[in-house]
Amino acid sequence: MGTITRKNSDSRLSRAVTHNGTAYLAGLTADNRKAPMKGQTEEVLKKIDEALKSAGSNKSRLLSAMIYISDMSLKAQMDEAWAAWIDPANTPARACVQAQLGTPDILVEIMVVAAQE
């Protein structure tokens, strides 16, 4: 069975859920919504680092990543930030899709799953 731990929860969602040695992060977006795609992606990746640390994991333990972007023509900018951040020896399974996000100024949202340490 295992214990389920929910972190930073409200009536809508939990920002992180851990269960049986796996950390599941909710989709994260940038606070600086005036930044371009690369800047928003870099901010989101910093948030992922912090959330993974809080959940007892890190980016080298990523299992999967789901990336939502508002405009596929901006994918190269997102990929540039991703490539600079990701541990090249431990890349996760990853998908990237174009989606209409919560508001027009959100360019990227990233959701990850990672093994705990």
C-alpha atoms as a PDB file:
ATOM      1  CA  MET A   1       0.000   0.000   0.000  1.00  0.00           C
ATOM      2  CA  GLY A   2       2.381   2.727   1.155  1.00  0.00           C
ATOM      3  CA  THR A   3       1.816   6.160   2.568  1.00  0.00           C
ATOM      4  CA  ILE A   4       0.657   8.961   0.308  1.00  0.00           C
ATOM      5  CA  THR A   5       2.030  12.386   1.241  1.00  0.00           C
ATOM      6  CA  ARG A   6       0.563  15.548  -0.267  1.00  0.00           C
ATOM      7  CA  LYS A   7       2.488  18.843  -0.128  1.00  0.00           C
ATOM      8  CA  ASN A   8       1.316  22.402  -0.652  1.00  0.00           C
ATOM      9  CA  SER A   9      -2.294  21.331  -1.059  1.00  0.00           C
ATOM     10  CA  ASP A  10      -5.434  23.387  -1.387  1.00  0.00           C
ATOM     11  CA  SER A  11      -9.017  22.506  -2.309  1.00  0.00           C
ATOM     12  CA  ARG A  12      -8.008  22.150  -5.979  1.00  0.00           C
ATOM     13  CA  LEU A  13      -4.663  20.356  -6.070  1.00  0.00           C
ATOM     14  CA  SER A  14      -1.455  19.310  -4.377  1.00  0.00           C
ATOM     15  CA  ARG A  15       1.776  20.781  -5.738  1.00  0.00           C
ATOM     16  CA  ALA A  16       3.566  17.492  -5.011  1.00  0.00           C
ATOM     17  CA  VAL A  17       2.435  14.000  -4.086  1.00  0.00           C
ATOM     18  CA  THR A  18       4.786  11.216  -3.008  1.00  0.00           C
ATOM     19  CA  HIS A  19       3.972   7.520  -2.866  1.00  0.00           C
ATOM     20  CA  ASN A  20       6.108   4.376  -2.759  1.00  0.00           C
ATOM     21  CA  GLY A  21       9.355   6.203  -3.529  1.00  0.00           C
ATOM     22  CA  THR A  22       7.964   8.293  -6.386  1.00  0.00           C
ATOM     23  CA  ALA A  23       7.371  12.057  -6.448  1.00  0.00           C
ATOM     24  CA  TYR A  24       4.667  13.475  -8.711  1.00  0.00           C
ATOM     25  CA  LEU A  25       4.770  17.234  -9.307  1.00  0.00           C
ATOM     26  CA  ALA A  26       1.829  19.299 -10.490  1.00  0.00           C
ATOM     27  CA  GLY A  27       2.275  21.373 -13.616  1.00  0.00           C
ATOM     28  CA  LEU A  28       4.401  24.433 -12.881  1.00  0.00           C
ATOM     29  CA  THR A  29       4.342  27.780 -14.671  1.00  0.00           C
ATOM     30  CA  ALA A  30       6.468  30.915 -14.448  1.00  0.00           C
ATOM     31  CA  ASP A  31       5.547  33.843 -12.219  1.00  0.00           C
ATOM     32  CA  ASN A  32       7.198  36.286 -14.649  1.00  0.00           C
ATOM     33  CA  ARG A  33       4.708  36.022 -17.473  1.00  0.00           C
ATOM     34  CA  LYS A  34       6.313  38.882 -19.390  1.00  0.00           C
ATOM     35  CA  ALA A  35       9.451  36.794 -19.962  1.00  0.00           C
ATOM     36  CA  PRO A  36       9.949  35.089 -23.329  1.00  0.00           C
ATOM     37  CA  MET A  37       9.635  31.309 -23.697  1.00  0.00           C
ATOM     38  CA  LYS A  38      13.258  30.626 -22.710  1.00  0.00           C
ATOM     39  CA  GLY A  39      13.004  32.820 -19.615  1.00  0.00           C
ATOM     40  CA  GLN A  40       9.704  31.287 -18.529  1.00  0.00           C
ATOM     41  CA  THR A  41      11.134  27.797 -19.051  1.00  0.00           C
ATOM     42  CA  GLU A  42      14.238  28.608 -16.997  1.00  0.00           C
ATOM     43  CA  GLU A  43      12.041  29.874 -14.154  1.00  0.00           C
ATOM     44  CA  VAL A  44       9.863  26.763 -14.266  1.00  0.00           C
ATOM     45  CA  LEU A  45      12.940  24.511 -14.198  1.00  0.00           C
ATOM     46  CA  LYS A  46      14.219  26.332 -11.083  1.00  0.00           C
ATOM     47  CA  LYS A  47      10.824  25.742  -9.466  1.00  0.00           C
ATOM     48  CA  ILE A  48      11.080  22.052 -10.405  1.00  0.00           C
ATOM     49  CA  ASP A  49      14.514  21.853  -8.741  1.00  0.00           C
ATOM     50  CA  GLU A  50      13.058  23.327  -5.535  1.00  0.00           C
ATOM     51  CA  ALA A  51       9.956  21.111  -5.584  1.00  0.00           C
ATOM     52  CA  LEU A  52      11.999  17.974  -6.248  1.00  0.00           C
ATOM     53  CA  LYS A  53      14.332  18.813  -3.353  1.00  0.00           C
ATOM     54  CA  SER A  54      11.320  19.292  -1.077  1.00  0.00           C
ATOM     55  CA  ALA A  55       9.979  15.914  -2.239  1.00  0.00           C
ATOM     56  CA  GLY A  56      13.318  14.143  -1.596  1.00  0.00           C
ATOM     57  CA  SER A  57      14.482  13.926  -5.185  1.00  0.00           C
ATOM     58  CA  ASN A  58      16.417  15.815  -7.873  1.00  0.00           C
ATOM     59  CA  LYS A  59      16.549  16.171 -11.661  1.00  0.00           C
ATOM     60  CA  SER A  60      18.927  13.205 -12.065  1.00  0.00           C
ATOM     61  CA  ARG A  61      16.066  11.015 -10.745  1.00  0.00           C
ATOM     62  CA  LEU A  62      13.445  12.199 -13.275  1.00  0.00           C
ATOM     63  CA  LEU A  63      11.340   9.402 -14.737  1.00  0.00           C
ATOM     64  CA  SER A  64       9.079  11.410 -17.029  1.00  0.00           C
ATOM     65  CA  ALA A  65       8.282  14.963 -18.075  1.00  0.00           C
ATOM     66  CA  MET A  66       5.196  16.362 -19.761  1.00  0.00           C
ATOM     67  CA  ILE A  67       5.749  19.778 -21.325  1.00  0.00           C
ATOM     68  CA  TYR A  68       2.900  21.941 -22.539  1.00  0.00           C
ATOM     69  CA  ILE A  69       3.740  24.951 -24.692  1.00  0.00           C
ATOM     70  CA  SER A  70       1.394  27.582 -26.067  1.00  0.00           C
ATOM     71  CA  ASP A  71       3.046  27.876 -29.486  1.00  0.00           C
ATOM     72  CA  MET A  72       5.080  25.154 -31.196  1.00  0.00           C
ATOM     73  CA  SER A  73       7.055  27.827 -33.075  1.00  0.00           C
ATOM     74  CA  LEU A  74       8.651  28.653 -29.674  1.00  0.00           C
ATOM     75  CA  LYS A  75       9.694  25.042 -28.956  1.00  0.00           C
ATOM     76  CA  ALA A  76      13.365  25.650 -29.843  1.00  0.00           C
ATOM     77  CA  GLN A  77      13.583  28.303 -27.097  1.00  0.00           C
ATOM     78  CA  MET A  78      12.090  25.894 -24.567  1.00  0.00           C
ATOM     79  CA  ASP A  79      14.420  23.117 -25.732  1.00  0.00           C
ATOM     80  CA  GLU A  80      17.435  25.419 -25.323  1.00  0.00           C
ATOM     81  CA  ALA A  81      16.579  26.064 -21.661  1.00  0.00           C
ATOM     82  CA  TRP A  82      15.768  22.372 -21.131  1.00  0.00           C
ATOM     83  CA  ALA A  83      19.090  21.213 -22.647  1.00  0.00           C
ATOM     84  CA  ALA A  84      21.068  23.593 -20.411  1.00  0.00           C
ATOM     85  CA  TRP A  85      19.238  22.278 -17.308  1.00  0.00           C
ATOM     86  CA  ILE A  86      18.733  18.548 -17.794  1.00  0.00           C
ATOM     87  CA  ASP A  87      21.240  15.969 -16.568  1.00  0.00           C
ATOM     88  CA  PRO A  88      22.348  14.514 -19.936  1.00  0.00           C
ATOM     89  CA  ALA A  89      23.250  11.174 -18.326  1.00  0.00           C
ATOM     90  CA  ASN A  90      19.761  10.794 -16.835  1.00  0.00           C
ATOM     91  CA  THR A  91      17.190  12.091 -19.296  1.00  0.00           C
ATOM     92  CA  PRO A  92      13.549  11.227 -18.594  1.00  0.00           C
ATOM     93  CA  ALA A  93      10.860   9.953 -20.916  1.00  0.00           C
ATOM     94  CA  ARG A  94       9.441  13.213 -22.280  1.00  0.00           C
ATOM     95  CA  ALA A  95       6.548  14.538 -24.313  1.00  0.00           C
ATOM     96  CA  CYS A  96       5.949  18.066 -25.547  1.00  0.00           C
ATOM     97  CA  VAL A  97       2.582  19.191 -26.858  1.00  0.00           C
ATOM     98  CA  GLN A  98       1.036  22.460 -27.890  1.00  0.00           C
ATOM     99  CA  ALA A  99      -1.873  23.415 -25.662  1.00  0.00           C
ATOM    100  CA  GLN A 100      -4.042  26.357 -24.769  1.00  0.00           C
ATOM    101  CA  LEU A 101      -2.769  27.136 -21.276  1.00  0.00           C
ATOM    102  CA  GLY A 102      -4.546  28.856 -18.366  1.00  0.00           C
ATOM    103  CA  THR A 103      -3.994  32.410 -19.629  1.00  0.00           C
ATOM    104  CA  PRO A 104      -2.483  33.783 -22.871  1.00  0.00           C
ATOM    105  CA  ASP A 105       0.668  35.008 -21.096  1.00  0.00           C
ATOM    106  CA  ILE A 106       1.595  31.504 -19.881  1.00  0.00           C
ATOM    107  CA  LEU A 107       3.948  30.116 -22.526  1.00  0.00           C
ATOM    108  CA  VAL A 108       5.027  26.856 -20.858  1.00  0.00           C
ATOM    109  CA  GLU A 109       3.851  24.459 -18.164  1.00  0.00           C
ATOM    110  CA  ILE A 110       5.915  21.454 -17.082  1.00  0.00           C
ATOM    111  CA  MET A 111       4.862  18.450 -15.023  1.00  0.00           C
ATOM    112  CA  VAL A 112       7.372  15.801 -13.889  1.00  0.00           C
ATOM    113  CA  VAL A 113       7.557  12.467 -12.082  1.00  0.00           C
ATOM    114  CA  ALA A 114      10.763  11.448 -10.281  1.00  0.00           C
ATOM    115  CA  ALA A 115      12.075   8.666  -8.100  1.00  0.00           C
ATOM    116  CA  GLN A 116      12.854   9.745  -4.561  1.00  0.00           C
ATOM    117  CA  GLU A 117      16.406   9.395  -3.245  1.00  0.00           C
END
